[in-house]
């Protein structure tokens, strides 16, 4: 069921709801007096709802933080309704920056995806997956907006390194705090990369340089970069790619095929700059929603993944999490997944 001991991929070539089932397995493994703490953009799946309720009833402390102003708010309304009369702690984040009081309706999203479990050992699953089901539960109009994540390309990676887990736990707590959340881009946590023996972790929003810019601008020899990009839109997001190409780096992309997520003008830009890309031919509402960068050079091999999109809102406003690993098994798992995904082109 996994490509490596810690890496899980969902997609149309995998069992439906594979990532949902992985999360349920983790929920069921937490005993009484344990902790489950999640942060996600969308949450709407009846089986996950029931698993979390069961965990709470057996004495697990469950805390959920979700976005209160997502693109399709009706998706999270079911979660709000479900847990309003339970002992589960539900925090609904509705960020309203100062400029909105002047009529500028461009607000940040809580777009990070983190799933913490205290047992059997403390661990956090990080990636791109929104725990939502298909159109058997969510109405067809909403599924057309957000996609069917029970079959879409997504990834979750388990982090068990305790220094990194503690760092991610602190981030989860900070997001729950209003002022820490609102002032996040000014904090050291968001402007300095956290390093442990196995991981590098970055958070958005920030004032310091975007981690993607830092990675793509490295002055390494024989550099080959592969990016899975679900959203490629907005001013400035193409610059790191063209800058990398101009310095001799070889780049390939896997892109989502919908116009909303990857407009034609951006494809034309890629064609003009001779950047090779694939757009997998998937069933209706099945998305290429994975978000990762494979970086290979004579000096370094790593993979960067998380919740980040290549969009102006993601780069400037959103709360996002970005993880980077040099672990050979994890890099190999993502490389294998890349090869599987391009065969669907």
C-alpha atoms as a PDB file:
ATOM      1  CA  UNK A   1       0.000   0.000   0.000  1.00  0.00           C
ATOM      2  CA  UNK A   2       3.016   2.314   0.339  1.00  0.00           C
ATOM      3  CA  UNK A   3       5.935   3.208  -1.933  1.00  0.00           C
ATOM      4  CA  UNK A   4       8.275   3.477   1.073  1.00  0.00           C
ATOM      5  CA  UNK A   5       7.848   3.029   4.854  1.00  0.00           C
ATOM      6  CA  UNK A   6       6.637   6.608   5.257  1.00  0.00           C
ATOM      7  CA  UNK A   7       5.280   7.784   1.892  1.00  0.00           C
ATOM      8  CA  UNK A   8       1.685   7.343   0.722  1.00  0.00           C
ATOM      9  CA  UNK A   9       0.318   8.280  -2.694  1.00  0.00           C
ATOM     10  CA  UNK A  10      -3.295   8.531  -3.764  1.00  0.00           C
ATOM     11  CA  UNK A  11      -4.495   8.680  -7.332  1.00  0.00           C
ATOM     12  CA  UNK A  12      -6.727   7.173 -10.002  1.00  0.00           C
ATOM     13  CA  UNK A  13      -4.370   4.196 -10.307  1.00  0.00           C
ATOM     14  CA  UNK A  14      -4.606   3.509  -6.553  1.00  0.00           C
ATOM     15  CA  UNK A  15      -7.409   2.140  -4.408  1.00  0.00           C
ATOM     16  CA  UNK A  16     -10.175   4.685  -3.982  1.00  0.00           C
ATOM     17  CA  UNK A  17      -9.955   6.507  -0.633  1.00  0.00           C
ATOM     18  CA  UNK A  18      -6.488   5.086   0.043  1.00  0.00           C
ATOM     19  CA  UNK A  19      -5.296   8.213   1.857  1.00  0.00           C
ATOM     20  CA  UNK A  20      -8.586   8.495   3.761  1.00  0.00           C
ATOM     21  CA  UNK A  21      -8.112   4.918   4.951  1.00  0.00           C
ATOM     22  CA  UNK A  22      -4.514   5.663   5.996  1.00  0.00           C
ATOM     23  CA  UNK A  23      -5.766   8.495   8.208  1.00  0.00           C
ATOM     24  CA  UNK A  24      -8.476   6.276   9.705  1.00  0.00           C
ATOM     25  CA  UNK A  25      -5.866   3.603  10.510  1.00  0.00           C
ATOM     26  CA  UNK A  26      -3.866   6.249  12.358  1.00  0.00           C
ATOM     27  CA  UNK A  27      -6.963   7.497  14.210  1.00  0.00           C
ATOM     28  CA  UNK A  28      -7.833   3.982  15.351  1.00  0.00           C
ATOM     29  CA  UNK A  29      -4.275   3.414  16.629  1.00  0.00           C
ATOM     30  CA  UNK A  30      -4.502   6.242  19.181  1.00  0.00           C
ATOM     31  CA  UNK A  31      -5.589   4.941  22.635  1.00  0.00           C
ATOM     32  CA  UNK A  32      -7.428   6.674  25.457  1.00  0.00           C
ATOM     33  CA  UNK A  33      -5.568   9.717  26.795  1.00  0.00           C
ATOM     34  CA  UNK A  34      -3.814  10.103  23.452  1.00  0.00           C
ATOM     35  CA  UNK A  35      -3.981  13.158  21.183  1.00  0.00           C
ATOM     36  CA  UNK A  36      -5.081  13.840  17.620  1.00  0.00           C
ATOM     37  CA  UNK A  37      -4.527  17.327  16.262  1.00  0.00           C
ATOM     38  CA  UNK A  38      -5.288  18.232  12.645  1.00  0.00           C
ATOM     39  CA  UNK A  39      -5.008  21.315  10.498  1.00  0.00           C
ATOM     40  CA  UNK A  40      -6.553  21.243   7.014  1.00  0.00           C
ATOM     41  CA  UNK A  41      -8.232  23.352   4.359  1.00  0.00           C
ATOM     42  CA  UNK A  42     -11.215  21.063   3.662  1.00  0.00           C
ATOM     43  CA  UNK A  43     -12.636  18.325   5.892  1.00  0.00           C
ATOM     44  CA  UNK A  44     -15.778  16.476   4.852  1.00  0.00           C
ATOM     45  CA  UNK A  45     -15.882  12.685   4.958  1.00  0.00           C
ATOM     46  CA  UNK A  46     -18.461  10.707   6.983  1.00  0.00           C
ATOM     47  CA  UNK A  47     -16.097   7.800   7.680  1.00  0.00           C
ATOM     48  CA  UNK A  48     -13.438  10.134   9.058  1.00  0.00           C
ATOM     49  CA  UNK A  49     -16.095  11.996  11.057  1.00  0.00           C
ATOM     50  CA  UNK A  50     -17.173   8.720  12.664  1.00  0.00           C
ATOM     51  CA  UNK A  51     -13.602   7.584  13.336  1.00  0.00           C
ATOM     52  CA  UNK A  52     -12.832  10.891  15.084  1.00  0.00           C
ATOM     53  CA  UNK A  53     -16.054  10.710  17.121  1.00  0.00           C
ATOM     54  CA  UNK A  54     -15.217   7.136  18.145  1.00  0.00           C
ATOM     55  CA  UNK A  55     -11.730   8.249  19.172  1.00  0.00           C
ATOM     56  CA  UNK A  56     -13.178  11.069  21.277  1.00  0.00           C
ATOM     57  CA  UNK A  57     -15.613   8.679  22.968  1.00  0.00           C
ATOM     58  CA  UNK A  58     -12.776   6.330  23.994  1.00  0.00           C
ATOM     59  CA  UNK A  59     -10.931   9.211  25.653  1.00  0.00           C
ATOM     60  CA  UNK A  60      -8.717  10.610  22.887  1.00  0.00           C
ATOM     61  CA  UNK A  61      -8.289  14.376  22.931  1.00  0.00           C
ATOM     62  CA  UNK A  62      -9.241  15.505  19.406  1.00  0.00           C
ATOM     63  CA  UNK A  63      -8.592  19.046  18.124  1.00  0.00           C
ATOM     64  CA  UNK A  64      -9.357  20.118  14.552  1.00  0.00           C
ATOM     65  CA  UNK A  65      -8.508  23.428  12.871  1.00  0.00           C
ATOM     66  CA  UNK A  66     -10.113  24.144   9.488  1.00  0.00           C
ATOM     67  CA  UNK A  67     -10.416  27.089   7.133  1.00  0.00           C
ATOM     68  CA  UNK A  68     -13.606  29.056   7.692  1.00  0.00           C
ATOM     69  CA  UNK A  69     -13.490  30.879   4.363  1.00  0.00           C
ATOM     70  CA  UNK A  70     -12.416  28.305   1.753  1.00  0.00           C
ATOM     71  CA  UNK A  71     -13.292  28.666  -1.909  1.00  0.00           C
ATOM     72  CA  UNK A  72     -16.270  26.333  -1.359  1.00  0.00           C
ATOM     73  CA  UNK A  73     -17.447  27.026   2.225  1.00  0.00           C
ATOM     74  CA  UNK A  74     -20.294  24.523   2.011  1.00  0.00           C
ATOM     75  CA  UNK A  75     -17.710  21.708   2.127  1.00  0.00           C
ATOM     76  CA  UNK A  76     -16.569  22.589   5.650  1.00  0.00           C
ATOM     77  CA  UNK A  77     -20.071  23.432   6.871  1.00  0.00           C
ATOM     78  CA  UNK A  78     -20.769  19.712   7.206  1.00  0.00           C
ATOM     79  CA  UNK A  79     -17.745  19.426   9.512  1.00  0.00           C
ATOM     80  CA  UNK A  80     -18.941  22.371  11.599  1.00  0.00           C
ATOM     81  CA  UNK A  81     -22.426  20.855  11.882  1.00  0.00           C
ATOM     82  CA  UNK A  82     -21.063  17.397  12.686  1.00  0.00           C
ATOM     83  CA  UNK A  83     -18.841  18.402  15.610  1.00  0.00           C
ATOM     84  CA  UNK A  84     -20.815  21.295  17.102  1.00  0.00           C
ATOM     85  CA  UNK A  85     -22.427  19.061  19.738  1.00  0.00           C
ATOM     86  CA  UNK A  86     -19.448  16.812  20.527  1.00  0.00           C
ATOM     87  CA  UNK A  87     -16.455  17.058  22.865  1.00  0.00           C
ATOM     88  CA  UNK A  88     -14.159  17.453  19.846  1.00  0.00           C
ATOM     89  CA  UNK A  89     -12.436  20.837  19.792  1.00  0.00           C
ATOM     90  CA  UNK A  90     -13.113  22.525  16.457  1.00  0.00           C
ATOM     91  CA  UNK A  91     -11.426  25.812  15.549  1.00  0.00           C
ATOM     92  CA  UNK A  92     -12.789  27.532  12.435  1.00  0.00           C
ATOM     93  CA  UNK A  93     -10.300  30.116  11.170  1.00  0.00           C
ATOM     94  CA  UNK A  94     -11.716  33.162   9.373  1.00  0.00           C
ATOM     95  CA  UNK A  95      -8.828  35.487   8.656  1.00  0.00           C
ATOM     96  CA  UNK A  96      -9.764  39.098   7.884  1.00  0.00           C
ATOM     97  CA  UNK A  97      -6.695  41.234   7.132  1.00  0.00           C
ATOM     98  CA  UNK A  98      -6.814  44.994   7.577  1.00  0.00           C
ATOM     99  CA  UNK A  99      -7.080  45.760   3.866  1.00  0.00           C
ATOM    100  CA  UNK A 100     -10.460  44.016   3.686  1.00  0.00           C
ATOM    101  CA  UNK A 101     -11.913  46.850   5.747  1.00  0.00           C
ATOM    102  CA  UNK A 102     -11.097  49.078   2.761  1.00  0.00           C
ATOM    103  CA  UNK A 103     -12.999  46.869   0.308  1.00  0.00           C
ATOM    104  CA  UNK A 104     -10.111  44.719  -0.969  1.00  0.00           C
ATOM    105  CA  UNK A 105     -11.540  41.192  -0.837  1.00  0.00           C
ATOM    106  CA  UNK A 106      -8.362  39.126  -1.040  1.00  0.00           C
ATOM    107  CA  UNK A 107      -7.989  37.080   2.113  1.00  0.00           C
ATOM    108  CA  UNK A 108      -5.511  34.372   3.110  1.00  0.00           C
ATOM    109  CA  UNK A 109      -6.493  30.732   3.369  1.00  0.00           C
ATOM    110  CA  UNK A 110      -5.515  28.261   6.033  1.00  0.00           C
ATOM    111  CA  UNK A 111      -4.150  25.906   3.382  1.00  0.00           C
ATOM    112  CA  UNK A 112      -1.642  23.831   5.405  1.00  0.00           C
ATOM    113  CA  UNK A 113      -2.339  20.124   5.783  1.00  0.00           C
ATOM    114  CA  UNK A 114      -0.950  18.537   8.956  1.00  0.00           C
ATOM    115  CA  UNK A 115      -2.234  15.460  10.786  1.00  0.00           C
ATOM    116  CA  UNK A 116      -0.691  14.820  14.214  1.00  0.00           C
ATOM    117  CA  UNK A 117      -1.092  11.558  16.171  1.00  0.00           C
ATOM    118  CA  UNK A 118       0.445  10.927  19.589  1.00  0.00           C
ATOM    119  CA  UNK A 119       0.496   7.118  19.277  1.00  0.00           C
ATOM    120  CA  UNK A 120       1.921   4.552  18.741  1.00  0.00           C
ATOM    121  CA  UNK A 121       4.765   7.103  18.515  1.00  0.00           C
ATOM    122  CA  UNK A 122       4.323  10.869  18.020  1.00  0.00           C
ATOM    123  CA  UNK A 123       4.115  11.543  14.290  1.00  0.00           C
ATOM    124  CA  UNK A 124       2.766  14.060  11.790  1.00  0.00           C
ATOM    125  CA  UNK A 125       1.517  13.341   8.290  1.00  0.00           C
ATOM    126  CA  UNK A 126       2.310  16.192   5.891  1.00  0.00           C
ATOM    127  CA  UNK A 127       1.226  16.635   2.285  1.00  0.00           C
ATOM    128  CA  UNK A 128      -1.458  17.764  -0.155  1.00  0.00           C
ATOM    129  CA  UNK A 129      -4.476  15.666   0.832  1.00  0.00           C
ATOM    130  CA  UNK A 130      -7.809  17.233   1.818  1.00  0.00           C
ATOM    131  CA  UNK A 131      -9.897  14.592   3.669  1.00  0.00           C
ATOM    132  CA  UNK A 132     -13.038  14.791   1.541  1.00  0.00           C
ATOM    133  CA  UNK A 133     -15.080  12.090  -0.096  1.00  0.00           C
ATOM    134  CA  UNK A 134     -16.574  11.768  -3.570  1.00  0.00           C
ATOM    135  CA  UNK A 135     -19.972  12.730  -4.976  1.00  0.00           C
ATOM    136  CA  UNK A 136     -21.731   9.908  -3.109  1.00  0.00           C
ATOM    137  CA  UNK A 137     -21.626  12.268  -0.115  1.00  0.00           C
ATOM    138  CA  UNK A 138     -20.831  15.750  -1.463  1.00  0.00           C
ATOM    139  CA  UNK A 139     -23.154  17.251  -4.073  1.00  0.00           C
ATOM    140  CA  UNK A 140     -22.015  17.250  -7.703  1.00  0.00           C
ATOM    141  CA  UNK A 141     -21.694  21.037  -7.966  1.00  0.00           C
ATOM    142  CA  UNK A 142     -19.297  21.182  -5.031  1.00  0.00           C
ATOM    143  CA  UNK A 143     -17.274  18.249  -6.344  1.00  0.00           C
ATOM    144  CA  UNK A 144     -16.855  20.082  -9.645  1.00  0.00           C
ATOM    145  CA  UNK A 145     -15.354  23.002  -7.707  1.00  0.00           C
ATOM    146  CA  UNK A 146     -12.921  21.154  -5.444  1.00  0.00           C
ATOM    147  CA  UNK A 147     -12.444  17.835  -7.251  1.00  0.00           C
ATOM    148  CA  UNK A 148     -12.890  14.302  -6.018  1.00  0.00           C
ATOM    149  CA  UNK A 149     -10.053  13.763  -3.550  1.00  0.00           C
ATOM    150  CA  UNK A 150     -10.976  10.117  -3.045  1.00  0.00           C
ATOM    151  CA  UNK A 151      -9.356   9.409  -6.443  1.00  0.00           C
ATOM    152  CA  UNK A 152      -7.175  12.473  -7.137  1.00  0.00           C
ATOM    153  CA  UNK A 153      -3.377  12.527  -7.149  1.00  0.00           C
ATOM    154  CA  UNK A 154      -2.257  13.424  -3.619  1.00  0.00           C
ATOM    155  CA  UNK A 155       0.529  12.588  -1.209  1.00  0.00           C
ATOM    156  CA  UNK A 156       1.037  12.204   2.541  1.00  0.00           C
ATOM    157  CA  UNK A 157       4.403  11.602   4.197  1.00  0.00           C
ATOM    158  CA  UNK A 158       4.854  10.491   7.803  1.00  0.00           C
ATOM    159  CA  UNK A 159       7.379  12.439   9.868  1.00  0.00           C
ATOM    160  CA  UNK A 160       8.501  10.705  13.065  1.00  0.00           C
ATOM    161  CA  UNK A 161      11.720  12.551  13.880  1.00  0.00           C
ATOM    162  CA  UNK A 162      10.852  13.935  17.313  1.00  0.00           C
ATOM    163  CA  UNK A 163      12.552  17.320  16.952  1.00  0.00           C
ATOM    164  CA  UNK A 164      10.590  17.903  13.753  1.00  0.00           C
ATOM    165  CA  UNK A 165       7.358  16.608  15.248  1.00  0.00           C
ATOM    166  CA  UNK A 166       7.755  19.030  18.175  1.00  0.00           C
ATOM    167  CA  UNK A 167       8.365  21.896  15.753  1.00  0.00           C
ATOM    168  CA  UNK A 168       5.215  21.017  13.788  1.00  0.00           C
ATOM    169  CA  UNK A 169       3.222  20.696  17.022  1.00  0.00           C
ATOM    170  CA  UNK A 170       4.237  24.217  18.006  1.00  0.00           C
ATOM    171  CA  UNK A 171       3.107  25.431  14.595  1.00  0.00           C
ATOM    172  CA  UNK A 172      -0.274  23.751  15.093  1.00  0.00           C
ATOM    173  CA  UNK A 173      -0.679  25.505  18.457  1.00  0.00           C
ATOM    174  CA  UNK A 174       0.372  28.859  16.994  1.00  0.00           C
ATOM    175  CA  UNK A 175      -2.219  28.578  14.234  1.00  0.00           C
ATOM    176  CA  UNK A 176      -4.907  28.137  16.903  1.00  0.00           C
ATOM    177  CA  UNK A 177      -3.838  31.433  18.515  1.00  0.00           C
ATOM    178  CA  UNK A 178      -5.377  34.448  16.768  1.00  0.00           C
ATOM    179  CA  UNK A 179      -2.537  36.936  17.184  1.00  0.00           C
ATOM    180  CA  UNK A 180       0.217  34.432  16.473  1.00  0.00           C
ATOM    181  CA  UNK A 181      -1.667  33.478  13.315  1.00  0.00           C
ATOM    182  CA  UNK A 182      -2.226  37.069  12.194  1.00  0.00           C
ATOM    183  CA  UNK A 183       1.405  38.085  12.822  1.00  0.00           C
ATOM    184  CA  UNK A 184       2.903  34.852  11.509  1.00  0.00           C
ATOM    185  CA  UNK A 185       4.769  36.409   8.569  1.00  0.00           C
ATOM    186  CA  UNK A 186       6.760  38.523  11.043  1.00  0.00           C
ATOM    187  CA  UNK A 187       7.766  35.637  13.309  1.00  0.00           C
ATOM    188  CA  UNK A 188      11.147  33.828  13.314  1.00  0.00           C
ATOM    189  CA  UNK A 189       9.280  30.525  12.916  1.00  0.00           C
ATOM    190  CA  UNK A 190       8.034  31.621   9.498  1.00  0.00           C
ATOM    191  CA  UNK A 191      11.222  33.284   8.299  1.00  0.00           C
ATOM    192  CA  UNK A 192      13.904  30.765   9.232  1.00  0.00           C
ATOM    193  CA  UNK A 193      14.120  27.217   7.911  1.00  0.00           C
ATOM    194  CA  UNK A 194      13.931  24.608  10.667  1.00  0.00           C
ATOM    195  CA  UNK A 195      16.568  21.885  10.268  1.00  0.00           C
ATOM    196  CA  UNK A 196      16.736  18.523  11.981  1.00  0.00           C
ATOM    197  CA  UNK A 197      18.861  15.513  11.152  1.00  0.00           C
ATOM    198  CA  UNK A 198      16.318  14.305   8.579  1.00  0.00           C
ATOM    199  CA  UNK A 199      14.136  17.267   7.650  1.00  0.00           C
ATOM    200  CA  UNK A 200      13.958  20.905   6.643  1.00  0.00           C
ATOM    201  CA  UNK A 201      10.631  22.638   7.365  1.00  0.00           C
ATOM    202  CA  UNK A 202       9.380  26.012   6.136  1.00  0.00           C
ATOM    203  CA  UNK A 203       6.122  27.861   6.732  1.00  0.00           C
ATOM    204  CA  UNK A 204       4.289  30.541   4.769  1.00  0.00           C
ATOM    205  CA  UNK A 205       3.459  33.426   4.855  1.00  0.00           C
ATOM    206  CA  UNK A 206       6.875  35.011   5.342  1.00  0.00           C
ATOM    207  CA  UNK A 207       8.991  38.051   4.646  1.00  0.00           C
ATOM    208  CA  UNK A 208      12.127  36.092   3.805  1.00  0.00           C
ATOM    209  CA  UNK A 209      12.807  34.403   0.475  1.00  0.00           C
ATOM    210  CA  UNK A 210      10.400  31.710  -0.709  1.00  0.00           C
ATOM    211  CA  UNK A 211      11.923  28.195  -0.309  1.00  0.00           C
ATOM    212  CA  UNK A 212      11.115  27.368  -3.948  1.00  0.00           C
ATOM    213  CA  UNK A 213      13.172  30.347  -5.120  1.00  0.00           C
ATOM    214  CA  UNK A 214      16.033  29.241  -2.887  1.00  0.00           C
ATOM    215  CA  UNK A 215      15.970  25.670  -4.223  1.00  0.00           C
ATOM    216  CA  UNK A 216      15.634  26.537  -7.906  1.00  0.00           C
ATOM    217  CA  UNK A 217      18.380  29.180  -7.806  1.00  0.00           C
ATOM    218  CA  UNK A 218      21.091  26.912  -6.410  1.00  0.00           C
ATOM    219  CA  UNK A 219      24.325  27.081  -8.367  1.00  0.00           C
ATOM    220  CA  UNK A 220      24.767  23.315  -8.774  1.00  0.00           C
ATOM    221  CA  UNK A 221      26.051  21.454 -11.816  1.00  0.00           C
ATOM    222  CA  UNK A 222      23.964  19.103 -13.997  1.00  0.00           C
ATOM    223  CA  UNK A 223      20.702  20.084 -12.305  1.00  0.00           C
ATOM    224  CA  UNK A 224      17.468  18.309 -13.243  1.00  0.00           C
ATOM    225  CA  UNK A 225      14.254  19.570 -11.630  1.00  0.00           C
ATOM    226  CA  UNK A 226      10.831  17.891 -11.763  1.00  0.00           C
ATOM    227  CA  UNK A 227       7.805  19.743 -10.396  1.00  0.00           C
ATOM    228  CA  UNK A 228       4.279  18.439  -9.790  1.00  0.00           C
ATOM    229  CA  UNK A 229       2.148  21.599  -9.784  1.00  0.00           C
ATOM    230  CA  UNK A 230      -1.606  21.584  -9.202  1.00  0.00           C
ATOM    231  CA  UNK A 231      -2.029  25.385  -9.454  1.00  0.00           C
ATOM    232  CA  UNK A 232       0.191  27.514 -11.694  1.00  0.00           C
ATOM    233  CA  UNK A 233      -1.222  31.003 -11.967  1.00  0.00           C
ATOM    234  CA  UNK A 234      -0.721  34.569 -10.874  1.00  0.00           C
ATOM    235  CA  UNK A 235       2.056  37.099 -11.458  1.00  0.00           C
ATOM    236  CA  UNK A 236       5.579  36.163 -10.491  1.00  0.00           C
ATOM    237  CA  UNK A 237       5.115  32.404 -10.105  1.00  0.00           C
ATOM    238  CA  UNK A 238       6.685  31.624 -13.495  1.00  0.00           C
ATOM    239  CA  UNK A 239       9.851  33.606 -12.815  1.00  0.00           C
ATOM    240  CA  UNK A 240      11.673  30.911 -10.780  1.00  0.00           C
ATOM    241  CA  UNK A 241      11.174  28.440 -13.642  1.00  0.00           C
ATOM    242  CA  UNK A 242      12.446  30.732 -16.381  1.00  0.00           C
ATOM    243  CA  UNK A 243      15.346  31.911 -14.227  1.00  0.00           C
ATOM    244  CA  UNK A 244      16.353  28.289 -13.623  1.00  0.00           C
ATOM    245  CA  UNK A 245      16.144  27.454 -17.335  1.00  0.00           C
ATOM    246  CA  UNK A 246      18.341  30.448 -18.210  1.00  0.00           C
ATOM    247  CA  UNK A 247      21.079  29.108 -15.923  1.00  0.00           C
ATOM    248  CA  UNK A 248      21.086  25.757 -17.746  1.00  0.00           C
ATOM    249  CA  UNK A 249      18.899  23.712 -15.440  1.00  0.00           C
ATOM    250  CA  UNK A 250      16.692  21.073 -17.050  1.00  0.00           C
ATOM    251  CA  UNK A 251      13.057  21.327 -15.933  1.00  0.00           C
ATOM    252  CA  UNK A 252       9.972  19.175 -16.436  1.00  0.00           C
ATOM    253  CA  UNK A 253       6.494  19.764 -15.006  1.00  0.00           C
ATOM    254  CA  UNK A 254       3.373  17.733 -14.317  1.00  0.00           C
ATOM    255  CA  UNK A 255       0.411  20.103 -14.307  1.00  0.00           C
ATOM    256  CA  UNK A 256      -3.276  19.957 -13.516  1.00  0.00           C
ATOM    257  CA  UNK A 257      -5.341  20.155 -16.702  1.00  0.00           C
ATOM    258  CA  UNK A 258      -8.144  22.505 -15.628  1.00  0.00           C
ATOM    259  CA  UNK A 259      -8.114  26.056 -16.966  1.00  0.00           C
ATOM    260  CA  UNK A 260      -8.891  27.514 -13.536  1.00  0.00           C
ATOM    261  CA  UNK A 261      -5.789  25.990 -12.015  1.00  0.00           C
ATOM    262  CA  UNK A 262      -3.428  26.325 -14.999  1.00  0.00           C
ATOM    263  CA  UNK A 263      -4.573  28.998 -17.492  1.00  0.00           C
ATOM    264  CA  UNK A 264      -3.754  28.746 -21.203  1.00  0.00           C
ATOM    265  CA  UNK A 265      -1.621  31.888 -21.059  1.00  0.00           C
ATOM    266  CA  UNK A 266       0.709  30.124 -18.620  1.00  0.00           C
ATOM    267  CA  UNK A 267       0.958  27.100 -20.905  1.00  0.00           C
ATOM    268  CA  UNK A 268       1.812  29.443 -23.781  1.00  0.00           C
ATOM    269  CA  UNK A 269       4.531  30.984 -21.607  1.00  0.00           C
ATOM    270  CA  UNK A 270       5.979  27.538 -20.880  1.00  0.00           C
ATOM    271  CA  UNK A 271       5.919  26.666 -24.584  1.00  0.00           C
ATOM    272  CA  UNK A 272       7.657  29.927 -25.464  1.00  0.00           C
ATOM    273  CA  UNK A 273      10.401  29.220 -22.926  1.00  0.00           C
ATOM    274  CA  UNK A 274      10.720  25.570 -24.021  1.00  0.00           C
ATOM    275  CA  UNK A 275       9.798  24.165 -20.604  1.00  0.00           C
ATOM    276  CA  UNK A 276       8.492  20.621 -21.015  1.00  0.00           C
ATOM    277  CA  UNK A 277       5.242  19.749 -19.253  1.00  0.00           C
ATOM    278  CA  UNK A 278       2.714  16.933 -18.951  1.00  0.00           C
ATOM    279  CA  UNK A 279      -0.983  17.194 -18.206  1.00  0.00           C
ATOM    280  CA  UNK A 280      -2.330  13.761 -17.190  1.00  0.00           C
ATOM    281  CA  UNK A 281      -5.589  12.776 -18.865  1.00  0.00           C
ATOM    282  CA  UNK A 282      -7.772  11.958 -15.883  1.00  0.00           C
ATOM    283  CA  UNK A 283     -11.458  11.192 -15.356  1.00  0.00           C
ATOM    284  CA  UNK A 284     -13.882  14.017 -14.611  1.00  0.00           C
ATOM    285  CA  UNK A 285     -13.252  15.659 -11.210  1.00  0.00           C
ATOM    286  CA  UNK A 286     -10.053  13.645 -10.721  1.00  0.00           C
ATOM    287  CA  UNK A 287      -7.265  16.164 -10.115  1.00  0.00           C
ATOM    288  CA  UNK A 288      -3.515  16.227 -10.283  1.00  0.00           C
ATOM    289  CA  UNK A 289      -3.395  17.702  -6.768  1.00  0.00           C
ATOM    290  CA  UNK A 290       0.078  16.577  -5.667  1.00  0.00           C
ATOM    291  CA  UNK A 291       2.589  19.332  -4.919  1.00  0.00           C
ATOM    292  CA  UNK A 292       6.254  18.385  -4.941  1.00  0.00           C
ATOM    293  CA  UNK A 293       9.639  19.227  -6.449  1.00  0.00           C
ATOM    294  CA  UNK A 294      12.317  16.631  -7.171  1.00  0.00           C
ATOM    295  CA  UNK A 295      15.771  18.200  -7.283  1.00  0.00           C
ATOM    296  CA  UNK A 296      18.730  16.280  -8.693  1.00  0.00           C
ATOM    297  CA  UNK A 297      22.250  17.605  -9.232  1.00  0.00           C
ATOM    298  CA  UNK A 298      25.842  16.454  -8.890  1.00  0.00           C
ATOM    299  CA  UNK A 299      25.837  17.943  -5.393  1.00  0.00           C
ATOM    300  CA  UNK A 300      22.363  17.111  -4.060  1.00  0.00           C
ATOM    301  CA  UNK A 301      19.275  14.919  -4.356  1.00  0.00           C
ATOM    302  CA  UNK A 302      16.152  15.936  -2.449  1.00  0.00           C
ATOM    303  CA  UNK A 303      12.378  16.286  -2.610  1.00  0.00           C
ATOM    304  CA  UNK A 304      10.328  19.274  -1.454  1.00  0.00           C
ATOM    305  CA  UNK A 305       6.608  18.725  -0.853  1.00  0.00           C
ATOM    306  CA  UNK A 306       3.661  20.004   1.125  1.00  0.00           C
ATOM    307  CA  UNK A 307       0.537  22.123   0.723  1.00  0.00           C
ATOM    308  CA  UNK A 308       1.964  24.933  -1.434  1.00  0.00           C
ATOM    309  CA  UNK A 309       0.556  26.004  -4.791  1.00  0.00           C
ATOM    310  CA  UNK A 310       2.365  28.047  -7.443  1.00  0.00           C
ATOM    311  CA  UNK A 311      -0.114  30.915  -7.138  1.00  0.00           C
ATOM    312  CA  UNK A 312       0.047  34.498  -5.908  1.00  0.00           C
ATOM    313  CA  UNK A 313      -2.281  33.792  -2.976  1.00  0.00           C
ATOM    314  CA  UNK A 314      -0.247  30.785  -1.864  1.00  0.00           C
ATOM    315  CA  UNK A 315       3.096  32.594  -2.128  1.00  0.00           C
ATOM    316  CA  UNK A 316       1.998  35.853  -0.524  1.00  0.00           C
ATOM    317  CA  UNK A 317      -0.980  35.255   1.803  1.00  0.00           C
ATOM    318  CA  UNK A 318      -1.781  31.642   2.639  1.00  0.00           C
ATOM    319  CA  UNK A 319      -0.676  29.584   5.587  1.00  0.00           C
ATOM    320  CA  UNK A 320       1.303  26.761   3.972  1.00  0.00           C
ATOM    321  CA  UNK A 321       3.739  24.088   5.090  1.00  0.00           C
ATOM    322  CA  UNK A 322       6.752  22.965   3.053  1.00  0.00           C
ATOM    323  CA  UNK A 323       8.897  19.953   3.943  1.00  0.00           C
ATOM    324  CA  UNK A 324      12.178  18.920   2.353  1.00  0.00           C
ATOM    325  CA  UNK A 325      13.922  15.562   2.653  1.00  0.00           C
ATOM    326  CA  UNK A 326      17.217  14.113   1.423  1.00  0.00           C
ATOM    327  CA  UNK A 327      16.234  10.616   2.577  1.00  0.00           C
ATOM    328  CA  UNK A 328      17.079   8.227  -0.262  1.00  0.00           C
ATOM    329  CA  UNK A 329      13.944   6.105   0.190  1.00  0.00           C
ATOM    330  CA  UNK A 330      11.623   9.107   0.188  1.00  0.00           C
ATOM    331  CA  UNK A 331      13.324  10.677  -2.841  1.00  0.00           C
ATOM    332  CA  UNK A 332      13.163   7.330  -4.653  1.00  0.00           C
ATOM    333  CA  UNK A 333       9.449   6.972  -3.788  1.00  0.00           C
ATOM    334  CA  UNK A 334       8.650  10.372  -5.282  1.00  0.00           C
ATOM    335  CA  UNK A 335      10.799   9.601  -8.321  1.00  0.00           C
ATOM    336  CA  UNK A 336       8.911   6.361  -8.877  1.00  0.00           C
ATOM    337  CA  UNK A 337       5.608   8.184  -8.489  1.00  0.00           C
ATOM    338  CA  UNK A 338       6.695  10.792 -11.026  1.00  0.00           C
ATOM    339  CA  UNK A 339       7.357   8.075 -13.587  1.00  0.00           C
ATOM    340  CA  UNK A 340       3.945   6.524 -12.919  1.00  0.00           C
ATOM    341  CA  UNK A 341       2.177   9.853 -13.288  1.00  0.00           C
ATOM    342  CA  UNK A 342       3.738  10.833 -16.619  1.00  0.00           C
ATOM    343  CA  UNK A 343       2.559   7.549 -18.157  1.00  0.00           C
ATOM    344  CA  UNK A 344      -0.996   8.900 -17.706  1.00  0.00           C
ATOM    345  CA  UNK A 345      -0.184  11.765 -20.098  1.00  0.00           C
END
